[in-house]
C-alpha atoms as a PDB file:
ATOM      1  CA  MET A   1    -148.703 158.876 -36.799  1.00  0.00           C
ATOM      2  CA  HIS A   2    -145.237 159.762 -35.880  1.00  0.00           C
ATOM      3  CA  GLY A   3    -141.544 158.886 -37.137  1.00  0.00           C
ATOM      4  CA  VAL A   4    -139.346 156.377 -35.137  1.00  0.00           C
ATOM      5  CA  TYR A   5    -135.786 156.005 -35.218  1.00  0.00           C
ATOM      6  CA  LEU A   6    -134.921 152.510 -35.514  1.00  0.00           C
ATOM      7  CA  GLN A   7    -131.408 151.094 -36.354  1.00  0.00           C
ATOM      8  CA  GLY A   8    -130.542 154.112 -38.883  1.00  0.00           C
ATOM      9  CA  GLU A   9    -134.029 153.976 -40.586  1.00  0.00           C
ATOM     10  CA  ASN A  10    -136.783 156.426 -40.357  1.00  0.00           C
ATOM     11  CA  VAL A  11    -139.767 153.816 -39.932  1.00  0.00           C
ATOM     12  CA  SER A  12    -143.620 155.097 -39.642  1.00  0.00           C
ATOM     13  CA  VAL A  13    -145.525 153.429 -36.629  1.00  0.00           C
ATOM     14  CA  GLU A  14    -148.623 153.760 -34.901  1.00  0.00           C
ATOM     15  CA  THR A  15    -148.059 155.018 -31.575  1.00  0.00           C
ATOM     16  CA  THR A  16    -149.755 155.874 -28.209  1.00  0.00           C
ATOM     17  CA  THR A  17    -149.513 157.716 -25.217  1.00  0.00           C
ATOM     18  CA  ILE A  18    -148.836 155.984 -21.798  1.00  0.00           C
ATOM     19  CA  ARG A  19    -149.050 157.674 -18.399  1.00  0.00           C
ATOM     20  CA  VAL A  20    -146.010 157.016 -16.076  1.00  0.00           C
ATOM     21  CA  ARG A  21    -144.586 159.396 -13.337  1.00  0.00           C
ATOM     22  CA  ARG A  22    -142.847 162.431 -14.179  1.00  0.00           C
ATOM     23  CA  GLU A  23    -139.524 160.966 -12.670  1.00  0.00           C
ATOM     24  CA  THR A  24    -139.925 157.655 -14.643  1.00  0.00           C
ATOM     25  CA  ARG A  25    -140.298 159.861 -17.757  1.00  0.00           C
ATOM     26  CA  ASP A  26    -137.296 161.878 -16.636  1.00  0.00           C
ATOM     27  CA  LYS A  27    -135.390 158.746 -16.741  1.00  0.00           C
ATOM     28  CA  LEU A  28    -136.764 157.276 -19.922  1.00  0.00           C
ATOM     29  CA  ARG A  29    -135.842 160.629 -21.391  1.00  0.00           C
ATOM     30  CA  GLU A  30    -132.336 160.752 -19.878  1.00  0.00           C
ATOM     31  CA  LEU A  31    -131.520 156.961 -21.114  1.00  0.00           C
ATOM     32  CA  ALA A  32    -132.664 157.824 -24.510  1.00  0.00           C
ATOM     33  CA  LYS A  33    -130.740 161.001 -24.932  1.00  0.00           C
ATOM     34  CA  LYS A  34    -127.420 158.940 -23.634  1.00  0.00           C
ATOM     35  CA  SER A  35    -128.363 156.206 -26.136  1.00  0.00           C
ATOM     36  CA  ASN A  36    -129.284 158.700 -29.044  1.00  0.00           C
ATOM     37  CA  THR A  37    -132.475 157.044 -29.488  1.00  0.00           C
ATOM     38  CA  THR A  38    -136.075 157.543 -28.685  1.00  0.00           C
ATOM     39  CA  ILE A  39    -137.938 156.805 -25.379  1.00  0.00           C
ATOM     40  CA  SER A  40    -140.004 154.256 -27.409  1.00  0.00           C
ATOM     41  CA  ASN A  41    -136.796 152.397 -28.081  1.00  0.00           C
ATOM     42  CA  VAL A  42    -135.755 152.715 -24.749  1.00  0.00           C
ATOM     43  CA  VAL A  43    -138.691 151.128 -23.550  1.00  0.00           C
ATOM     44  CA  ALA A  44    -138.735 148.261 -26.185  1.00  0.00           C
ATOM     45  CA  LEU A  45    -135.152 147.290 -25.166  1.00  0.00           C
ATOM     46  CA  LEU A  46    -136.073 147.209 -21.395  1.00  0.00           C
ATOM     47  CA  LEU A  47    -138.660 145.161 -21.936  1.00  0.00           C
ATOM     48  CA  GLU A  48    -136.426 142.968 -24.194  1.00  0.00           C
ATOM     49  CA  ARG A  49    -134.004 142.477 -21.113  1.00  0.00           C
ATOM     50  CA  GLY A  50    -136.857 141.794 -18.874  1.00  0.00           C
ATOM     51  CA  GLU A  51    -137.872 138.908 -21.065  1.00  0.00           C
ATOM     52  CA  ILE A  52    -134.131 137.930 -21.224  1.00  0.00           C
ATOM     53  CA  ALA A  53    -133.785 137.928 -17.474  1.00  0.00           C
ATOM     54  CA  GLU A  54    -136.597 135.780 -17.187  1.00  0.00           C
ATOM     55  CA  ARG A  55    -135.006 133.319 -19.415  1.00  0.00           C
ATOM     56  CA  LEU A  56    -131.893 133.530 -17.452  1.00  0.00           C
ATOM     57  CA  ASP A  57    -133.813 132.804 -14.146  1.00  0.00           C
ATOM     58  CA  MET A  58    -135.341 129.757 -15.530  1.00  0.00           C
ATOM     59  CA  ILE A  59    -131.825 128.518 -16.671  1.00  0.00           C
ATOM     60  CA  ILE A  60    -130.468 129.366 -13.027  1.00  0.00           C
ATOM     61  CA  GLU A  61    -133.197 127.203 -11.621  1.00  0.00           C
ATOM     62  CA  LEU A  62    -132.506 124.336 -13.931  1.00  0.00           C
ATOM     63  CA  LEU A  63    -128.775 124.647 -13.033  1.00  0.00           C
ATOM     64  CA  ARG A  64    -129.777 124.364  -9.378  1.00  0.00           C
ATOM     65  CA  GLU A  65    -131.777 121.334  -9.768  1.00  0.00           C
ATOM     66  CA  ARG A  66    -129.001 119.810 -11.970  1.00  0.00           C
ATOM     67  CA  ASN A  67    -126.592 120.564  -8.853  1.00  0.00           C
ATOM     68  CA  GLU A  68    -128.646 118.987  -6.535  1.00  0.00           C
ATOM     69  CA  LEU A  69    -128.846 115.876  -8.462  1.00  0.00           C
ATOM     70  CA  LEU A  70    -125.225 115.758  -8.891  1.00  0.00           C
ATOM     71  CA  LYS A  71    -124.853 116.092  -5.135  1.00  0.00           C
ATOM     72  CA  GLU A  72    -126.839 113.210  -4.761  1.00  0.00           C
ATOM     73  CA  LEU A  73    -125.153 111.049  -7.277  1.00  0.00           C
ATOM     74  CA  ILE A  74    -121.834 112.099  -5.202  1.00  0.00           C
ATOM     75  CA  ARG A  75    -123.274 111.078  -2.142  1.00  0.00           C
ATOM     76  CA  ILE A  76    -124.565 107.717  -3.764  1.00  0.00           C
ATOM     77  CA  PHE A  77    -120.982 106.864  -4.895  1.00  0.00           C
ATOM     78  CA  LYS A  78    -119.405 107.959  -1.632  1.00  0.00           C
ATOM     79  CA  SER A  79    -121.806 105.513   0.267  1.00  0.00           C
ATOM     80  CA  ARG A  80    -120.988 102.513  -2.380  1.00  0.00           C
ATOM     81  CA  GLU A  81    -116.991 103.178  -2.326  1.00  0.00           C
ATOM     82  CA  GLY A  82    -116.636 100.506   0.403  1.00  0.00           C
ATOM     83  CA  GLU A  83    -118.252  98.024  -2.023  1.00  0.00           C
ATOM     84  CA  GLY A  84    -115.347  97.734  -4.278  1.00  0.00           C
ATOM     85  CA  GLY A  85    -116.079  96.791  -7.927  1.00  0.00           C
ATOM     86  CA  GLN A  86    -119.560  98.264  -7.962  1.00  0.00           C
ATOM     87  CA  VAL A  87    -118.319 101.754  -7.867  1.00  0.00           C
ATOM     88  CA  LYS A  88    -115.790 101.140 -10.698  1.00  0.00           C
ATOM     89  CA  ALA A  89    -118.645  99.407 -12.756  1.00  0.00           C
ATOM     90  CA  ILE A  90    -120.804 102.276 -12.256  1.00  0.00           C
ATOM     91  CA  ARG A  91    -118.054 104.693 -13.470  1.00  0.00           C
ATOM     92  CA  GLU A  92    -117.624 102.773 -16.645  1.00  0.00           C
ATOM     93  CA  GLU A  93    -121.123 102.603 -17.259  1.00  0.00           C
ATOM     94  CA  VAL A  94    -121.527 106.414 -16.866  1.00  0.00           C
ATOM     95  CA  SER A  95    -118.404 106.969 -18.894  1.00  0.00           C
ATOM     96  CA  THR A  96    -119.531 104.743 -21.908  1.00  0.00           C
ATOM     97  CA  SER A  97    -123.131 106.161 -21.647  1.00  0.00           C
ATOM     98  CA  SER A  98    -121.465 109.829 -22.069  1.00  0.00           C
ATOM     99  CA  GLU A  99    -119.417 108.741 -25.165  1.00  0.00           C
ATOM    100  CA  GLU A 100    -122.819 109.377 -27.005  1.00  0.00           C
ATOM    101  CA  GLU A 101    -122.462 113.113 -26.917  1.00  0.00           C
ATOM    102  CA  PRO A 102    -125.666 115.080 -27.272  1.00  0.00           C
ATOM    103  CA  GLU A 103    -125.843 117.768 -29.934  1.00  0.00           C
ATOM    104  CA  LEU A 104    -123.866 120.624 -28.213  1.00  0.00           C
ATOM    105  CA  PRO A 105    -124.509 124.421 -28.360  1.00  0.00           C
ATOM    106  CA  SER A 106    -122.311 126.046 -31.085  1.00  0.00           C
ATOM    107  CA  PHE A 107    -120.257 128.116 -28.537  1.00  0.00           C
ATOM    108  CA  VAL A 108    -119.039 124.552 -27.265  1.00  0.00           C
ATOM    109  CA  ARG A 109    -118.222 122.593 -30.481  1.00  0.00           C
ATOM    110  CA  ASP A 110    -114.691 122.646 -31.569  1.00  0.00           C
ATOM    111  CA  ASN A 111    -113.770 123.844 -28.055  1.00  0.00           C
ATOM    112  CA  PRO A 112    -110.363 123.003 -27.256  1.00  0.00           C
ATOM    113  CA  TRP A 113    -111.226 122.976 -23.925  1.00  0.00           C
ATOM    114  CA  LEU A 114    -113.289 120.167 -24.174  1.00  0.00           C
ATOM    115  CA  GLU A 115    -110.508 117.877 -24.862  1.00  0.00           C
ATOM    116  CA  ILE A 116    -108.724 118.962 -21.811  1.00  0.00           C
ATOM    117  CA  LEU A 117    -111.912 118.525 -19.495  1.00  0.00           C
ATOM    118  CA  ARG A 118    -112.021 115.012 -21.028  1.00  0.00           C
ATOM    119  CA  GLY A 119    -108.522 114.456 -20.170  1.00  0.00           C
ATOM    120  CA  ILE A 120    -108.982 115.243 -16.772  1.00  0.00           C
ATOM    121  CA  ASN A 121    -112.153 113.242 -16.540  1.00  0.00           C
ATOM    122  CA  LYS A 122    -110.151 110.063 -17.827  1.00  0.00           C
ATOM    123  CA  LYS A 123    -107.453 110.834 -15.294  1.00  0.00           C
ATOM    124  CA  GLU A 124    -109.953 110.656 -12.477  1.00  0.00           C
ATOM    125  CA  GLY A 125    -111.682 107.504 -13.652  1.00  0.00           C
END
């Protein structure tokens, strides 16, 4: 067992040895030195960043799918503009259903920009 420095505390944890190229070890050692921490903590941080990157990739893919859906809806709206009142009825239906707001993330709640964006949306409708 070796002591590891974690967030200001000395903690005893079980450790093991892993084989890496010397170049990789040197880079990890340099990162640890710059961050005033251990190689173990650097590896843990890099793994965490990898997990975050995977989640961000998933979010990006979901946003792309939503973007494609929005493009399709815009195409449908534009194709029906010549049909007069139907587009207005669809817009009213969409705006009515959007008044029932889903639970928003904490960073969005009470955000003054939401009211500004709602005002812009109402002007366009």
